[in-house]
N, C-alpha and C. Protein backbone atom coordinates (compact mmCIF):
# COMPACT_ATOMS: atom_id res chain seq x y z
N UNK A 1 12.01 10.05 -2.03
CA UNK A 1 11.18 9.24 -2.84
C UNK A 1 10.12 8.19 -2.14
N UNK A 2 11.14 7.45 -0.95
CA UNK A 2 10.67 6.77 -0.87
C UNK A 2 8.48 7.07 0.52
N UNK A 3 9.28 8.21 0.52
CA UNK A 3 7.38 8.92 1.65
C UNK A 3 6.53 9.21 0.17
N UNK A 4 6.93 9.06 -0.60
CA UNK A 4 6.02 9.65 -1.79
C UNK A 4 5.97 8.28 -2.53
N UNK A 5 6.25 6.95 -2.33
CA UNK A 5 5.93 6.17 -2.86
C UNK A 5 5.23 5.36 -1.65
N UNK A 6 4.78 5.31 -0.24
CA UNK A 6 4.77 4.89 0.60
C UNK A 6 2.97 5.29 0.77
N UNK A 7 3.21 6.98 0.87
CA UNK A 7 2.10 7.87 0.42
C UNK A 7 0.75 7.36 -0.59
N UNK A 8 1.08 7.01 -1.77
CA UNK A 8 0.75 6.41 -2.94
C UNK A 8 0.19 5.62 -2.49
N UNK A 9 0.69 4.64 -2.01
CA UNK A 9 0.78 3.14 -2.03
C UNK A 9 -0.71 2.80 -0.63
N UNK A 10 -0.66 3.72 0.29
CA UNK A 10 -1.49 4.16 1.33
C UNK A 10 -3.15 4.61 0.63
N UNK A 11 -3.08 5.70 -0.74
CA UNK A 11 -3.98 6.14 -0.76
C UNK A 11 -4.38 4.77 -1.54
N UNK A 12 -3.96 4.51 -2.42
CA UNK A 12 -4.45 2.56 -2.85
C UNK A 12 -5.09 2.06 -2.11
N UNK A 13 -4.46 1.92 -1.13
CA UNK A 13 -5.17 0.42 -0.23
C UNK A 13 -6.66 1.50 0.01
N UNK A 14 -6.48 2.95 0.61
CA UNK A 14 -7.85 3.21 0.95
C UNK A 14 -8.49 2.85 0.03
N UNK A 15 -8.25 3.41 -1.05
CA UNK A 15 -8.99 3.21 -2.41
C UNK A 15 -9.59 1.28 -2.87
N UNK A 16 -9.42 1.25 -2.35
CA UNK A 16 -8.75 -0.25 -2.60
C UNK A 16 -8.35 -0.79 -4.34
N UNK A 17 -7.42 -0.08 -4.61
CA UNK A 17 -6.51 -0.16 -5.85
C UNK A 17 -5.86 -1.65 -5.98
N UNK A 18 -6.39 -2.82 -5.76
CA UNK A 18 -5.76 -4.01 -4.97
C UNK A 18 -4.28 -4.16 -6.17
N UNK A 19 -4.43 -4.04 -7.75
CA UNK A 19 -3.35 -4.10 -8.29
C UNK A 19 -2.54 -3.08 -8.30
N UNK A 20 -2.93 -1.54 -8.40
CA UNK A 20 -1.72 -0.58 -7.59
C UNK A 20 -1.22 -0.50 -7.29
N UNK A 21 -1.60 -0.88 -5.65
CA UNK A 21 -0.96 -1.64 -4.27
C UNK A 21 -0.05 -2.80 -4.85
N UNK A 22 -0.56 -3.64 -4.99
CA UNK A 22 0.99 -4.31 -5.26
C UNK A 22 2.01 -4.02 -6.00
N UNK A 23 1.74 -3.45 -6.97
CA UNK A 23 3.08 -3.21 -7.70
C UNK A 23 3.84 -2.03 -7.03
N UNK A 24 2.91 -0.88 -5.86
CA UNK A 24 3.96 0.04 -5.30
C UNK A 24 4.45 -0.49 -3.88
N UNK A 25 3.41 -1.79 -3.67
CA UNK A 25 4.66 -2.57 -2.51
C UNK A 25 5.95 -3.38 -2.82
N UNK A 26 5.71 -3.31 -4.07
CA UNK A 26 6.87 -4.47 -4.75
C UNK A 26 8.31 -2.95 -4.87
N UNK A 27 7.78 -1.94 -5.09
CA UNK A 27 8.70 -0.95 -5.29
C UNK A 27 8.83 -0.44 -3.32
N UNK A 28 8.19 -0.21 -2.31
CA UNK A 28 8.70 -0.13 -1.29
C UNK A 28 9.33 -1.04 -0.66
N UNK A 29 9.06 -2.55 -0.72
CA UNK A 29 10.09 -3.26 -0.66
C UNK A 29 11.62 -3.35 -1.50
N UNK A 30 11.81 -2.94 -2.83
CA UNK A 30 12.75 -2.55 -2.98
C UNK A 30 13.63 -1.62 -3.07
N UNK A 31 12.87 -0.54 -2.28
CA UNK A 31 13.67 0.43 -1.12
C UNK A 31 14.06 0.37 -0.29
N UNK A 32 13.08 -0.45 0.79
CA UNK A 32 13.58 -1.27 1.98
C UNK A 32 14.91 -1.59 1.49
N UNK A 33 14.75 -2.83 0.59
CA UNK A 33 16.07 -3.39 0.73
C UNK A 33 17.65 -2.15 0.44
N UNK A 34 17.22 -1.31 -0.25
CA UNK A 34 18.21 -0.70 -1.11
C UNK A 34 18.62 0.52 0.71
N UNK A 35 18.07 0.82 1.05
CA UNK A 35 18.09 1.48 2.50
C UNK A 35 17.92 0.58 3.49
N UNK A 36 18.42 -0.80 3.71
CA UNK A 36 18.11 -1.64 4.57
C UNK A 36 17.42 -0.90 5.94
N UNK A 37 16.49 -0.79 5.35
CA UNK A 37 15.48 -0.06 6.48
C UNK A 37 14.05 -0.44 6.16
N UNK A 38 13.46 -1.53 7.07
CA UNK A 38 12.03 -1.81 6.79
C UNK A 38 11.14 -1.22 7.50
N UNK A 39 11.16 -0.06 7.93
CA UNK A 39 10.34 0.69 9.19
C UNK A 39 9.23 0.41 8.40
N UNK A 40 9.51 1.20 7.26
CA UNK A 40 8.01 1.76 6.45
C UNK A 40 7.61 0.27 5.66
N UNK A 41 8.54 -0.29 5.68
CA UNK A 41 8.16 -1.68 5.09
C UNK A 41 6.56 -2.20 5.75
N UNK A 42 7.42 -2.26 7.36
CA UNK A 42 6.50 -3.09 8.05
C UNK A 42 4.84 -2.64 8.08
N UNK A 43 5.28 -0.88 8.24
CA UNK A 43 4.17 -0.29 8.07
C UNK A 43 3.21 -0.89 7.28
N UNK A 44 3.45 -0.75 6.05
CA UNK A 44 3.05 -0.78 4.93
C UNK A 44 1.94 -2.03 4.50
N UNK A 45 3.33 -3.11 4.95
CA UNK A 45 2.18 -4.73 5.42
C UNK A 45 1.04 -4.43 6.19
N UNK A 46 1.09 -3.90 7.72
CA UNK A 46 0.21 -3.64 8.42
C UNK A 46 -0.78 -3.13 7.91
N UNK A 47 -0.53 -2.00 6.91
CA UNK A 47 -1.49 -1.18 6.53
C UNK A 47 -2.77 -2.16 5.00
N UNK A 48 -2.04 -2.98 4.59
CA UNK A 48 -2.46 -3.75 3.65
C UNK A 48 -2.81 -4.33 4.98
N UNK A 49 -2.51 -5.04 5.26
CA UNK A 49 -3.72 -6.61 6.11
C UNK A 49 -4.73 -5.68 6.83
N UNK A 50 -4.55 -4.33 7.22
CA UNK A 50 -5.58 -3.94 8.18
C UNK A 50 -7.13 -3.70 6.62
N UNK A 51 -6.46 -3.52 5.62
CA UNK A 51 -7.17 -3.02 4.47
C UNK A 51 -8.33 -4.14 3.85
N UNK A 52 -7.58 -5.40 3.82
CA UNK A 52 -7.92 -6.51 3.51
C UNK A 52 -8.92 -7.42 4.68
N UNK A 53 -8.87 -7.00 5.56
CA UNK A 53 -9.58 -7.73 6.61
C UNK A 53 -10.86 -6.49 7.18
N UNK A 54 -10.89 -5.15 6.70
CA UNK A 54 -11.91 -4.34 6.81
C UNK A 54 -13.15 -5.02 5.76
N UNK A 55 -14.16 -4.14 6.17
CA UNK A 55 -15.50 -4.43 5.43
C UNK A 55 -15.31 -3.66 4.40
N UNK A 56 -15.37 -4.19 2.84
CA UNK A 56 -15.99 -3.56 1.63
C UNK A 56 -16.23 -2.09 2.01
N UNK A 57 -15.38 -1.39 1.63
CA UNK A 57 -16.47 0.08 1.65
C UNK A 57 -17.15 0.67 0.54
N UNK A 58 -17.20 1.89 0.86
CA UNK A 58 -18.32 2.54 -0.66
C UNK A 58 -17.27 2.97 -2.07
N UNK A 59 -16.01 2.63 -1.31
CA UNK A 59 -14.89 3.55 -2.06
C UNK A 59 -15.00 3.27 -3.61
N UNK A 60 -15.32 1.76 -3.85
CA UNK A 60 -15.05 1.31 -5.44
C UNK A 60 -16.60 1.05 -6.11
N UNK A 61 -17.48 1.59 -5.43
CA UNK A 61 -19.30 1.57 -5.67
C UNK A 61 -19.18 2.56 -7.25
N UNK A 62 -19.75 1.74 -8.22
CA UNK A 62 -20.10 3.01 -9.45
C UNK A 62 -18.51 2.61 -9.92
N UNK A 63 -17.69 2.38 -9.72
CA UNK A 63 -16.58 1.81 -10.48
C UNK A 63 -16.54 0.41 -11.77
N UNK A 64 -16.46 0.84 -12.80
CA UNK A 64 -16.24 -0.65 -13.29
C UNK A 64 -14.88 -0.85 -13.89
């Protein structure tokens, strides 16, 4: 399940759906605590950091 949540998180980052990204990150945090494994959590934080510092993409153009 964690891989599915992470994949959805990565996709949400890619299309800059930050409200959804926030919820998925919280789910990743819960899973990481349950599994006592922060590898994917660290990857999620890194991906989010890369997403918010890169120039805005055209992914959201035309969306309202």
